[in-house]
C-alpha atoms as a PDB file:
ATOM      1  CA  MET A   1       0.222   0.149  -0.102  1.00  0.00           C
ATOM      2  CA  GLY A   2       2.763   2.508   0.849  1.00  0.00           C
ATOM      3  CA  ARG A   3       4.340   2.267  -2.966  1.00  0.00           C
ATOM      4  CA  VAL A   4       0.495   2.819  -4.090  1.00  0.00           C
ATOM      5  CA  VAL A   5       0.455   5.896  -1.920  1.00  0.00           C
ATOM      6  CA  ARG A   6       3.890   7.328  -2.395  1.00  0.00           C
ATOM      7  CA  GLU A   7       3.013   7.031  -6.926  1.00  0.00           C
ATOM      8  CA  MET A   8      -0.110   9.073  -6.422  1.00  0.00           C
ATOM      9  CA  GLY A   9       1.797  12.153  -5.795  1.00  0.00           C
ATOM     10  CA  LYS A  10       2.159  11.897  -9.540  1.00  0.00           C
ATOM     11  CA  ALA A  11      -1.621  12.221  -9.754  1.00  0.00           C
ATOM     12  CA  GLY A  12      -2.720  15.731 -10.835  1.00  0.00           C
ATOM     13  CA  ASP A  13      -5.140  17.896  -8.974  1.00  0.00           C
ATOM     14  CA  GLY A  14      -7.981  16.553 -10.835  1.00  0.00           C
ATOM     15  CA  GLN A  15      -7.298  12.811 -10.580  1.00  0.00           C
ATOM     16  CA  LEU A  16      -6.960  13.283  -6.911  1.00  0.00           C
ATOM     17  CA  SER A  17     -10.158  14.765  -6.303  1.00  0.00           C
ATOM     18  CA  GLY A  18     -11.657  11.892  -9.054  1.00  0.00           C
ATOM     19  CA  ILE A  19      -9.903   9.405  -6.524  1.00  0.00           C
ATOM     20  CA  GLN A  20     -11.627  10.758  -3.558  1.00  0.00           C
ATOM     21  CA  ASP A  21     -14.916  10.847  -5.441  1.00  0.00           C
ATOM     22  CA  ALA A  22     -14.659   7.071  -6.506  1.00  0.00           C
ATOM     23  CA  VAL A  23     -13.799   5.589  -3.961  1.00  0.00           C
ATOM     24  CA  THR A  24     -16.493   7.316  -1.435  1.00  0.00           C
ATOM     25  CA  SER A  25     -19.081   6.708  -4.333  1.00  0.00           C
ATOM     26  CA  MET A  26     -17.912   2.939  -4.625  1.00  0.00           C
ATOM     27  CA  LEU A  27     -17.863   2.669  -0.565  1.00  0.00           C
ATOM     28  CA  ASP A  28     -21.491   4.099  -0.493  1.00  0.00           C
ATOM     29  CA  ASP A  29     -22.808   1.663  -3.025  1.00  0.00           C
ATOM     30  CA  TYR A  30     -20.935  -1.766  -2.318  1.00  0.00           C
ATOM     31  CA  GLU A  31     -19.341  -1.444   0.922  1.00  0.00           C
ATOM     32  CA  SER A  32     -21.613  -3.964   2.471  1.00  0.00           C
ATOM     33  CA  PHE A  33     -20.655  -6.840  -0.069  1.00  0.00           C
ATOM     34  CA  MET A  34     -16.711  -5.923   0.542  1.00  0.00           C
ATOM     35  CA  GLY A  35     -14.228  -7.385   3.025  1.00  0.00           C
ATOM     36  CA  SER A  36     -13.057  -5.300   5.531  1.00  0.00           C
ATOM     37  CA  GLU A  37      -9.239  -5.309   4.510  1.00  0.00           C
ATOM     38  CA  LEU A  38     -10.259  -4.024   0.961  1.00  0.00           C
ATOM     39  CA  ILE A  39     -12.427  -1.221   2.630  1.00  0.00           C
ATOM     40  CA  THR A  40      -9.326  -0.292   4.760  1.00  0.00           C
ATOM     41  CA  TYR A  41      -7.520  -0.054   1.998  1.00  0.00           C
ATOM     42  CA  LEU A  42      -9.888   1.883  -0.313  1.00  0.00           C
ATOM     43  CA  CYS A  43      -9.941   4.527   2.586  1.00  0.00           C
ATOM     44  CA  VAL A  44      -6.469   4.565   3.418  1.00  0.00           C
ATOM     45  CA  TRP A  45      -6.166   5.563  -0.373  1.00  0.00           C
ATOM     46  CA  ARG A  46      -9.033   7.842  -0.510  1.00  0.00           C
ATOM     47  CA  GLU A  47      -6.856   9.733   2.835  1.00  0.00           C
ATOM     48  CA  ALA A  48      -3.956   9.604   0.951  1.00  0.00           C
ATOM     49  CA  ALA A  49      -5.472  11.559  -2.086  1.00  0.00           C
ATOM     50  CA  GLN A  50      -6.721  13.900   0.473  1.00  0.00           C
ATOM     51  CA  LYS A  51      -3.339  14.172   2.035  1.00  0.00           C
ATOM     52  CA  HIS A  52      -1.464  14.725  -1.106  1.00  0.00           C
ATOM     53  CA  GLN A  53      -4.302  17.778  -2.220  1.00  0.00           C
ATOM     54  CA  ALA A  54      -3.743  19.315   1.310  1.00  0.00           C
ATOM     55  CA  ASN A  55       0.067  19.565   1.146  1.00  0.00           C
ATOM     56  CA  ARG A  56       0.302  20.727  -2.092  1.00  0.00           C
ATOM     57  CA  ALA A  57      -1.850  23.519  -1.422  1.00  0.00           C
ATOM     58  CA  LYS A  58      -0.159  24.577   1.428  1.00  0.00           C
ATOM     59  CA  ARG A  59       2.970  24.596  -0.668  1.00  0.00           C
ATOM     60  CA  ALA A  60       1.207  26.707  -3.087  1.00  0.00           C
ATOM     61  CA  VAL A  61       0.045  29.115  -0.484  1.00  0.00           C
ATOM     62  CA  ALA A  62       3.585  29.383   0.776  1.00  0.00           C
ATOM     63  CA  ALA A  63       4.966  30.020  -2.503  1.00  0.00           C
ATOM     64  CA  THR A  64       3.164  32.552  -3.370  1.00  0.00           C
ATOM     65  CA  PRO A  65       4.989  36.114  -2.424  1.00  0.00           C
ATOM     66  CA  LEU A  66       2.878  38.755  -0.399  1.00  0.00           C
ATOM     67  CA  PRO A  67       2.175  41.483  -2.979  1.00  0.00           C
ATOM     68  CA  ALA A  68       4.879  44.589  -2.864  1.00  0.00           C
ATOM     69  CA  ASN A  69       3.910  47.822  -1.506  1.00  0.00           C
ATOM     70  CA  GLY A  70       5.914  50.074  -3.668  1.00  0.00           C
ATOM     71  CA  GLN A  71       5.050  53.094  -1.263  1.00  0.00           C
ATOM     72  CA  ARG A  72       6.572  53.703   2.411  1.00  0.00           C
ATOM     73  CA  ARG A  73       4.791  55.503   4.617  1.00  0.00           C
ATOM     74  CA  ALA A  74       6.376  58.993   5.944  1.00  0.00           C
ATOM     75  CA  GLY A  75       7.247  58.280   9.737  1.00  0.00           C
END
């Protein structure tokens, strides 16, 4: 499972959102027919997609420079 989670970093934001939506939909429709191990792996996969997106968003905010203010106030 660790390799799958690491390789998920190659997915785009739309793909990560798609993974989350697809897993949620699959669990909603078929959870009662799945074994507990499969449910666990799907939940880990979905959570990994969420974490990748959250980390990307944090990095994007941290990398965004503050707008420069070209004027200084007289002091």
